[in-house]
N, C-alpha and C. Protein backbone atom coordinates (compact mmCIF):
# COMPACT_ATOMS: atom_id res chain seq x y z
N UNK A 1 -28.61 -28.26 105.04
CA UNK A 1 -27.67 -29.20 105.59
C UNK A 1 -28.35 -30.52 105.91
N UNK A 2 -29.59 -30.45 106.43
CA UNK A 2 -30.31 -31.64 106.79
C UNK A 2 -30.64 -32.46 105.54
N UNK A 3 -31.02 -31.78 104.42
CA UNK A 3 -31.33 -32.47 103.18
C UNK A 3 -30.09 -33.17 102.64
N UNK A 4 -28.95 -32.52 102.73
CA UNK A 4 -27.71 -33.10 102.25
C UNK A 4 -27.36 -34.35 103.05
N UNK A 5 -27.55 -34.31 104.35
CA UNK A 5 -27.26 -35.46 105.21
C UNK A 5 -28.20 -36.62 104.88
N UNK A 6 -29.46 -36.34 104.63
CA UNK A 6 -30.43 -37.38 104.30
C UNK A 6 -30.10 -37.99 102.95
N UNK A 7 -29.79 -37.16 101.96
CA UNK A 7 -29.44 -37.65 100.62
C UNK A 7 -28.16 -38.48 100.68
N UNK A 8 -27.18 -37.98 101.42
CA UNK A 8 -25.92 -38.70 101.56
C UNK A 8 -26.13 -40.03 102.28
N UNK A 9 -26.93 -40.06 103.32
CA UNK A 9 -27.23 -41.30 104.04
C UNK A 9 -27.96 -42.29 103.13
N UNK A 10 -28.90 -41.81 102.35
CA UNK A 10 -29.63 -42.67 101.42
C UNK A 10 -28.69 -43.24 100.36
N UNK A 11 -27.77 -42.43 99.86
CA UNK A 11 -26.82 -42.88 98.85
C UNK A 11 -25.89 -43.95 99.43
N UNK A 12 -25.45 -43.75 100.66
CA UNK A 12 -24.58 -44.74 101.31
C UNK A 12 -25.35 -46.03 101.52
N UNK A 13 -26.60 -45.93 101.98
CA UNK A 13 -27.42 -47.11 102.22
C UNK A 13 -27.62 -47.89 100.90
N UNK A 14 -27.95 -47.20 99.84
CA UNK A 14 -28.15 -47.85 98.53
C UNK A 14 -26.84 -48.50 98.07
N UNK A 15 -25.72 -47.81 98.27
CA UNK A 15 -24.42 -48.37 97.89
C UNK A 15 -24.09 -49.63 98.65
N UNK A 16 -24.38 -49.64 99.95
CA UNK A 16 -24.12 -50.82 100.79
C UNK A 16 -25.01 -51.98 100.35
N UNK A 17 -26.28 -51.70 100.07
CA UNK A 17 -27.20 -52.75 99.62
C UNK A 17 -26.74 -53.31 98.27
N UNK A 18 -26.37 -52.46 97.35
CA UNK A 18 -25.89 -52.93 96.04
C UNK A 18 -24.60 -53.74 96.17
N UNK A 19 -23.67 -53.29 96.98
CA UNK A 19 -22.41 -54.01 97.18
C UNK A 19 -22.68 -55.37 97.82
N UNK A 20 -23.57 -55.41 98.80
CA UNK A 20 -23.92 -56.69 99.44
C UNK A 20 -24.56 -57.64 98.45
N UNK A 21 -25.46 -57.13 97.63
CA UNK A 21 -26.10 -57.96 96.60
C UNK A 21 -25.09 -58.50 95.60
N UNK A 22 -24.14 -57.67 95.21
CA UNK A 22 -23.10 -58.10 94.28
C UNK A 22 -22.24 -59.20 94.90
N UNK A 23 -21.89 -59.05 96.17
CA UNK A 23 -21.09 -60.08 96.85
C UNK A 23 -21.85 -61.40 96.94
N UNK A 24 -23.13 -61.34 97.26
CA UNK A 24 -23.94 -62.56 97.33
C UNK A 24 -24.02 -63.20 95.95
N UNK A 25 -24.23 -62.41 94.91
CA UNK A 25 -24.30 -62.93 93.55
C UNK A 25 -23.00 -63.62 93.14
N UNK A 26 -21.87 -62.97 93.40
CA UNK A 26 -20.58 -63.54 93.03
C UNK A 26 -20.24 -64.78 93.84
N UNK A 27 -20.66 -64.81 95.09
CA UNK A 27 -20.37 -65.95 95.95
C UNK A 27 -21.17 -67.18 95.52
N UNK A 28 -22.37 -67.02 95.02
CA UNK A 28 -23.22 -68.13 94.62
C UNK A 28 -23.05 -68.53 93.16
N UNK A 29 -22.18 -67.85 92.46
CA UNK A 29 -21.93 -68.17 91.06
C UNK A 29 -21.18 -69.49 90.96
N UNK A 30 -21.55 -70.36 89.98
CA UNK A 30 -20.83 -71.62 89.85
C UNK A 30 -19.36 -71.39 89.53
N UNK A 31 -18.53 -72.26 90.06
CA UNK A 31 -17.10 -72.18 89.80
C UNK A 31 -16.85 -72.60 88.36
N UNK A 32 -16.09 -71.79 87.65
CA UNK A 32 -15.79 -72.13 86.27
C UNK A 32 -14.83 -73.30 86.21
N UNK A 33 -15.14 -74.26 85.37
CA UNK A 33 -14.28 -75.42 85.19
C UNK A 33 -13.22 -75.08 84.15
N UNK A 34 -12.02 -75.53 84.38
CA UNK A 34 -10.97 -75.36 83.41
C UNK A 34 -11.28 -76.30 82.24
N UNK A 35 -11.43 -75.73 81.06
CA UNK A 35 -11.75 -76.52 79.89
C UNK A 35 -10.45 -76.95 79.24
N UNK A 36 -10.30 -78.23 79.04
CA UNK A 36 -9.10 -78.77 78.43
C UNK A 36 -9.37 -79.01 76.95
N UNK A 37 -8.49 -78.53 76.13
CA UNK A 37 -8.57 -78.83 74.71
C UNK A 37 -7.73 -80.06 74.44
N UNK A 38 -8.39 -81.16 74.18
CA UNK A 38 -7.70 -82.42 73.97
C UNK A 38 -7.29 -82.55 72.51
N UNK A 39 -6.11 -83.09 72.26
CA UNK A 39 -5.67 -83.26 70.87
C UNK A 39 -6.42 -84.41 70.19
N UNK A 40 -6.61 -84.24 68.91
CA UNK A 40 -7.19 -85.32 68.10
C UNK A 40 -6.12 -86.37 67.85
N UNK A 41 -6.56 -87.60 67.71
CA UNK A 41 -5.68 -88.71 67.34
C UNK A 41 -6.26 -89.33 66.08
N UNK A 42 -5.37 -89.69 65.15
CA UNK A 42 -5.81 -90.25 63.88
C UNK A 42 -5.13 -91.59 63.64
N UNK A 43 -5.93 -92.55 63.15
CA UNK A 43 -5.42 -93.86 62.76
C UNK A 43 -5.78 -94.03 61.29
N UNK A 44 -4.78 -94.31 60.48
CA UNK A 44 -4.98 -94.42 59.04
C UNK A 44 -4.52 -95.79 58.57
N UNK A 45 -5.29 -96.82 58.95
CA UNK A 45 -4.96 -98.18 58.55
C UNK A 45 -5.69 -98.53 57.26
N UNK A 46 -5.02 -99.19 56.39
CA UNK A 46 -5.53 -99.60 55.07
C UNK A 46 -6.26 -98.43 54.42
N UNK A 47 -7.50 -98.60 54.11
CA UNK A 47 -8.23 -97.57 53.35
C UNK A 47 -9.19 -96.78 54.22
N UNK A 48 -9.05 -96.85 55.53
CA UNK A 48 -9.97 -96.17 56.43
C UNK A 48 -9.19 -95.22 57.34
N UNK A 49 -9.69 -93.99 57.45
CA UNK A 49 -9.11 -93.01 58.36
C UNK A 49 -10.10 -92.75 59.48
N UNK A 50 -9.63 -92.94 60.72
CA UNK A 50 -10.46 -92.69 61.89
C UNK A 50 -9.78 -91.60 62.72
N UNK A 51 -10.52 -90.54 63.02
CA UNK A 51 -10.01 -89.45 63.85
C UNK A 51 -10.91 -89.31 65.06
N UNK A 52 -10.29 -89.30 66.24
CA UNK A 52 -11.03 -89.20 67.49
C UNK A 52 -10.52 -88.00 68.28
N UNK A 53 -11.47 -87.23 68.81
CA UNK A 53 -11.15 -86.07 69.65
C UNK A 53 -11.98 -86.13 70.91
N UNK A 54 -11.35 -86.18 72.08
CA UNK A 54 -12.13 -86.11 73.32
C UNK A 54 -12.82 -84.74 73.41
N UNK A 55 -14.10 -84.77 73.70
CA UNK A 55 -14.84 -83.53 73.90
C UNK A 55 -14.92 -83.19 75.37
N UNK A 56 -15.02 -84.23 76.20
CA UNK A 56 -15.14 -84.00 77.63
C UNK A 56 -14.70 -85.27 78.37
N UNK A 57 -13.53 -85.22 78.98
CA UNK A 57 -13.06 -86.32 79.83
C UNK A 57 -12.49 -85.73 81.12
N UNK A 58 -13.31 -84.90 81.76
CA UNK A 58 -12.84 -84.21 82.95
C UNK A 58 -13.28 -84.91 84.23
N UNK A 59 -12.64 -84.55 85.30
CA UNK A 59 -12.93 -85.11 86.63
C UNK A 59 -14.37 -84.81 87.04
N UNK A 60 -14.88 -83.66 86.65
CA UNK A 60 -16.21 -83.23 87.07
C UNK A 60 -17.35 -83.76 86.20
N UNK A 61 -17.03 -84.35 85.08
CA UNK A 61 -18.06 -84.80 84.15
C UNK A 61 -18.67 -86.14 84.54
N UNK A 62 -19.96 -86.27 84.30
CA UNK A 62 -20.65 -87.53 84.55
C UNK A 62 -20.56 -88.45 83.33
N UNK A 63 -20.39 -87.85 82.17
CA UNK A 63 -20.25 -88.60 80.92
C UNK A 63 -18.98 -88.13 80.21
N UNK A 64 -18.28 -89.07 79.63
CA UNK A 64 -17.11 -88.74 78.82
C UNK A 64 -17.49 -88.91 77.37
N UNK A 65 -17.17 -87.89 76.56
CA UNK A 65 -17.61 -87.86 75.17
C UNK A 65 -16.41 -87.74 74.24
N UNK A 66 -16.49 -88.52 73.15
CA UNK A 66 -15.43 -88.54 72.14
C UNK A 66 -16.06 -88.34 70.76
N UNK A 67 -15.59 -87.34 70.05
CA UNK A 67 -16.01 -87.14 68.66
C UNK A 67 -15.25 -88.14 67.79
N UNK A 68 -15.99 -88.81 66.90
CA UNK A 68 -15.39 -89.81 66.02
C UNK A 68 -15.75 -89.48 64.58
N UNK A 69 -14.74 -89.39 63.72
CA UNK A 69 -14.94 -89.15 62.29
C UNK A 69 -14.26 -90.27 61.53
N UNK A 70 -15.02 -90.93 60.64
CA UNK A 70 -14.50 -92.07 59.88
C UNK A 70 -14.70 -91.79 58.40
N UNK A 71 -13.62 -91.95 57.63
CA UNK A 71 -13.67 -91.72 56.18
C UNK A 71 -13.03 -92.86 55.43
N UNK A 72 -13.63 -93.21 54.30
CA UNK A 72 -13.08 -94.24 53.42
C UNK A 72 -13.68 -94.06 52.04
N UNK A 73 -13.04 -94.68 51.04
CA UNK A 73 -13.61 -94.68 49.69
C UNK A 73 -13.85 -96.10 49.20
N UNK A 74 -13.52 -97.09 50.03
CA UNK A 74 -13.61 -98.46 49.52
C UNK A 74 -14.30 -99.45 50.45
N UNK A 75 -14.58 -99.06 51.69
CA UNK A 75 -15.14 -99.99 52.66
C UNK A 75 -16.50 -99.47 53.12
N UNK A 76 -17.45 -100.37 53.26
CA UNK A 76 -18.77 -99.99 53.78
C UNK A 76 -18.66 -99.85 55.30
N UNK A 77 -19.03 -98.71 55.83
CA UNK A 77 -18.95 -98.43 57.26
C UNK A 77 -20.27 -98.82 57.93
N UNK A 78 -20.45 -100.13 58.10
CA UNK A 78 -21.73 -100.64 58.58
C UNK A 78 -21.66 -101.17 60.01
N UNK A 79 -20.68 -100.74 60.78
CA UNK A 79 -20.51 -101.21 62.15
C UNK A 79 -21.48 -100.51 63.11
N UNK A 80 -21.86 -101.21 64.14
CA UNK A 80 -22.59 -100.61 65.25
C UNK A 80 -21.52 -100.02 66.17
N UNK A 81 -21.38 -98.72 66.16
CA UNK A 81 -20.27 -98.06 66.86
C UNK A 81 -20.30 -98.33 68.37
N UNK A 82 -21.46 -98.51 68.93
CA UNK A 82 -21.55 -98.80 70.37
C UNK A 82 -21.08 -100.21 70.69
N UNK A 83 -20.94 -101.06 69.66
CA UNK A 83 -20.49 -102.43 69.90
C UNK A 83 -19.04 -102.67 69.51
N UNK A 84 -18.46 -101.79 68.71
CA UNK A 84 -17.07 -102.00 68.28
C UNK A 84 -16.09 -101.12 69.04
N UNK A 85 -16.59 -100.30 69.97
CA UNK A 85 -15.71 -99.39 70.72
C UNK A 85 -15.67 -99.79 72.19
N UNK A 86 -14.52 -99.56 72.80
CA UNK A 86 -14.36 -99.78 74.24
C UNK A 86 -13.33 -98.77 74.74
N UNK A 87 -13.53 -98.29 75.96
CA UNK A 87 -12.61 -97.36 76.59
C UNK A 87 -11.88 -98.10 77.70
N UNK A 88 -10.56 -98.15 77.63
CA UNK A 88 -9.76 -98.83 78.65
C UNK A 88 -9.06 -97.78 79.51
N UNK A 89 -8.96 -98.07 80.82
CA UNK A 89 -8.27 -97.14 81.71
C UNK A 89 -6.90 -97.68 82.11
N UNK A 90 -6.20 -96.94 82.96
CA UNK A 90 -4.84 -97.30 83.36
C UNK A 90 -4.79 -98.56 84.23
N UNK A 91 -5.92 -99.01 84.73
CA UNK A 91 -5.98 -100.24 85.54
C UNK A 91 -6.33 -101.46 84.68
N UNK A 92 -6.50 -101.24 83.38
CA UNK A 92 -6.84 -102.34 82.48
C UNK A 92 -8.33 -102.63 82.41
N UNK A 93 -9.12 -101.87 83.12
CA UNK A 93 -10.57 -102.06 83.10
C UNK A 93 -11.16 -101.48 81.81
N UNK A 94 -12.10 -102.23 81.22
CA UNK A 94 -12.73 -101.78 79.99
C UNK A 94 -14.13 -101.27 80.27
N UNK A 95 -14.48 -100.17 79.60
CA UNK A 95 -15.77 -99.52 79.77
C UNK A 95 -16.46 -99.46 78.42
N UNK A 96 -17.69 -99.95 78.37
CA UNK A 96 -18.46 -99.94 77.13
C UNK A 96 -19.20 -98.62 76.97
N UNK A 97 -19.38 -98.18 75.73
CA UNK A 97 -20.13 -96.94 75.52
C UNK A 97 -21.59 -97.12 75.94
N UNK A 98 -22.17 -96.03 76.41
CA UNK A 98 -23.59 -96.06 76.74
C UNK A 98 -24.43 -95.57 75.57
N UNK A 99 -23.78 -94.88 74.61
CA UNK A 99 -24.54 -94.32 73.50
C UNK A 99 -23.62 -93.89 72.36
N UNK A 100 -24.11 -94.07 71.15
CA UNK A 100 -23.51 -93.50 69.94
C UNK A 100 -24.51 -92.49 69.41
N UNK A 101 -24.14 -91.23 69.34
CA UNK A 101 -24.98 -90.20 68.76
C UNK A 101 -24.33 -89.77 67.46
N UNK A 102 -24.88 -90.24 66.35
CA UNK A 102 -24.28 -89.87 65.09
C UNK A 102 -24.89 -90.62 63.93
N UNK A 103 -24.14 -90.63 62.84
CA UNK A 103 -24.60 -91.23 61.60
C UNK A 103 -24.88 -92.72 61.79
N UNK A 104 -25.95 -93.17 61.18
CA UNK A 104 -26.31 -94.59 61.20
C UNK A 104 -25.30 -95.39 60.39
N UNK A 105 -25.33 -96.69 60.56
CA UNK A 105 -24.42 -97.59 59.84
C UNK A 105 -24.63 -97.47 58.34
N UNK A 106 -23.51 -97.56 57.61
CA UNK A 106 -23.55 -97.52 56.16
C UNK A 106 -22.80 -96.32 55.60
N UNK A 107 -22.47 -96.43 54.32
CA UNK A 107 -21.81 -95.33 53.63
C UNK A 107 -20.30 -95.36 53.77
N UNK A 108 -19.69 -94.25 53.33
CA UNK A 108 -18.23 -94.13 53.32
C UNK A 108 -17.75 -92.99 54.21
N UNK A 109 -18.66 -92.34 54.88
CA UNK A 109 -18.29 -91.28 55.82
C UNK A 109 -19.28 -91.33 56.98
N UNK A 110 -18.75 -91.38 58.18
CA UNK A 110 -19.59 -91.36 59.38
C UNK A 110 -18.94 -90.47 60.42
N UNK A 111 -19.78 -89.80 61.15
CA UNK A 111 -19.27 -89.07 62.30
C UNK A 111 -20.34 -88.99 63.36
N UNK A 112 -19.86 -88.87 64.59
CA UNK A 112 -20.76 -88.80 65.72
C UNK A 112 -19.98 -88.72 67.01
N UNK A 113 -20.68 -88.98 68.10
CA UNK A 113 -20.07 -88.89 69.43
C UNK A 113 -20.32 -90.19 70.17
N UNK A 114 -19.23 -90.78 70.66
CA UNK A 114 -19.32 -91.94 71.56
C UNK A 114 -19.39 -91.40 72.99
N UNK A 115 -20.37 -91.89 73.74
CA UNK A 115 -20.56 -91.42 75.12
C UNK A 115 -20.37 -92.59 76.07
N UNK A 116 -19.55 -92.36 77.10
CA UNK A 116 -19.26 -93.35 78.13
C UNK A 116 -19.61 -92.75 79.49
N UNK A 117 -19.96 -93.60 80.45
CA UNK A 117 -20.03 -93.12 81.82
C UNK A 117 -18.62 -92.71 82.22
N UNK A 118 -18.51 -91.70 83.08
CA UNK A 118 -17.20 -91.25 83.55
C UNK A 118 -16.46 -92.40 84.21
N UNK A 119 -15.16 -92.45 84.00
CA UNK A 119 -14.34 -93.52 84.57
C UNK A 119 -13.97 -93.17 86.01
N UNK A 120 -14.20 -94.12 86.90
CA UNK A 120 -13.85 -93.92 88.31
C UNK A 120 -13.22 -95.21 88.83
N UNK A 121 -12.15 -95.09 89.60
CA UNK A 121 -11.48 -93.87 90.00
C UNK A 121 -10.83 -93.20 88.79
N UNK A 122 -10.57 -91.91 88.94
CA UNK A 122 -10.04 -91.12 87.84
C UNK A 122 -8.69 -91.69 87.37
N UNK A 123 -8.58 -92.04 86.09
CA UNK A 123 -7.37 -92.71 85.61
C UNK A 123 -6.24 -91.74 85.25
N UNK A 124 -5.06 -92.31 85.09
CA UNK A 124 -3.90 -91.55 84.62
C UNK A 124 -3.93 -91.40 83.12
N UNK A 125 -4.53 -92.39 82.45
CA UNK A 125 -4.70 -92.31 80.99
C UNK A 125 -5.91 -93.13 80.60
N UNK A 126 -6.41 -92.85 79.40
CA UNK A 126 -7.47 -93.67 78.81
C UNK A 126 -7.07 -93.99 77.37
N UNK A 127 -7.57 -95.13 76.91
CA UNK A 127 -7.30 -95.56 75.54
C UNK A 127 -8.63 -96.00 74.93
N UNK A 128 -9.01 -95.33 73.86
CA UNK A 128 -10.21 -95.71 73.13
C UNK A 128 -9.80 -96.71 72.05
N UNK A 129 -10.47 -97.86 72.04
CA UNK A 129 -10.19 -98.91 71.07
C UNK A 129 -11.41 -99.11 70.20
N UNK A 130 -11.20 -99.06 68.89
CA UNK A 130 -12.28 -99.30 67.94
C UNK A 130 -11.82 -100.41 67.01
N UNK A 131 -12.60 -101.50 66.95
CA UNK A 131 -12.18 -102.67 66.18
C UNK A 131 -13.06 -102.84 64.94
N UNK A 132 -12.53 -103.60 64.00
CA UNK A 132 -13.28 -104.05 62.82
C UNK A 132 -13.81 -102.92 61.94
N UNK A 133 -13.04 -101.86 61.77
CA UNK A 133 -13.46 -100.83 60.83
C UNK A 133 -12.54 -100.91 59.62
N UNK A 134 -12.96 -101.69 58.65
CA UNK A 134 -12.22 -101.82 57.40
C UNK A 134 -11.00 -102.71 57.46
N UNK A 135 -10.65 -103.19 58.62
CA UNK A 135 -9.49 -104.04 58.77
C UNK A 135 -9.66 -104.84 60.06
N UNK A 136 -9.07 -106.01 60.13
CA UNK A 136 -9.19 -106.76 61.38
C UNK A 136 -8.42 -106.14 62.54
N UNK A 137 -7.53 -105.22 62.24
CA UNK A 137 -6.75 -104.57 63.31
C UNK A 137 -7.63 -103.61 64.10
N UNK A 138 -7.22 -103.33 65.32
CA UNK A 138 -7.94 -102.40 66.18
C UNK A 138 -7.27 -101.04 66.13
N UNK A 139 -8.07 -99.99 65.99
CA UNK A 139 -7.55 -98.63 66.04
C UNK A 139 -7.44 -98.21 67.51
N UNK A 140 -6.28 -97.69 67.89
CA UNK A 140 -6.02 -97.30 69.27
C UNK A 140 -5.79 -95.80 69.37
N UNK A 141 -6.42 -95.18 70.37
CA UNK A 141 -6.29 -93.75 70.58
C UNK A 141 -6.09 -93.53 72.08
N UNK A 142 -4.96 -92.92 72.46
CA UNK A 142 -4.63 -92.81 73.88
C UNK A 142 -4.39 -91.36 74.27
N UNK A 143 -4.86 -91.02 75.49
CA UNK A 143 -4.63 -89.70 76.06
C UNK A 143 -4.19 -89.84 77.51
N UNK A 144 -3.11 -89.15 77.86
CA UNK A 144 -2.70 -89.06 79.26
C UNK A 144 -3.54 -87.98 79.91
N UNK A 145 -3.96 -88.22 81.15
CA UNK A 145 -4.87 -87.29 81.83
C UNK A 145 -4.20 -86.77 83.08
N UNK A 146 -4.27 -85.46 83.26
CA UNK A 146 -3.85 -84.82 84.51
C UNK A 146 -5.07 -84.15 85.09
N UNK A 147 -5.31 -84.35 86.36
CA UNK A 147 -6.50 -83.77 87.00
C UNK A 147 -6.50 -82.27 86.90
């Protein structure tokens, strides 16, 4: 009887320690962010097709990232993407990209990621504007944002 009581007490003690450890682990786990799948927007002016997809434009992000794919068969894509793009918010403020990570200037197909500092205060919408890609017109891509 004494052995059974000792074994049972040890099992309860181990169970309590494991349960406490599990609670501490779960409590310190980072909160999962809701990942938003943003729709792609495409502009097909003249002979150039530009498709932009937000990769990360969330409230918690320090950088906002947009995937950009450009295709053509007749125009040289020699623009400096960090200089021809601007992100506008709902207050009319314009934000310049901090980085273009992607294909260098030239050719008929380019893709990469435009990176901006996060917009603050958090806007109701953003509009990415890319100018001078195969036409004097500006390509506009807009997304409404809900926190």
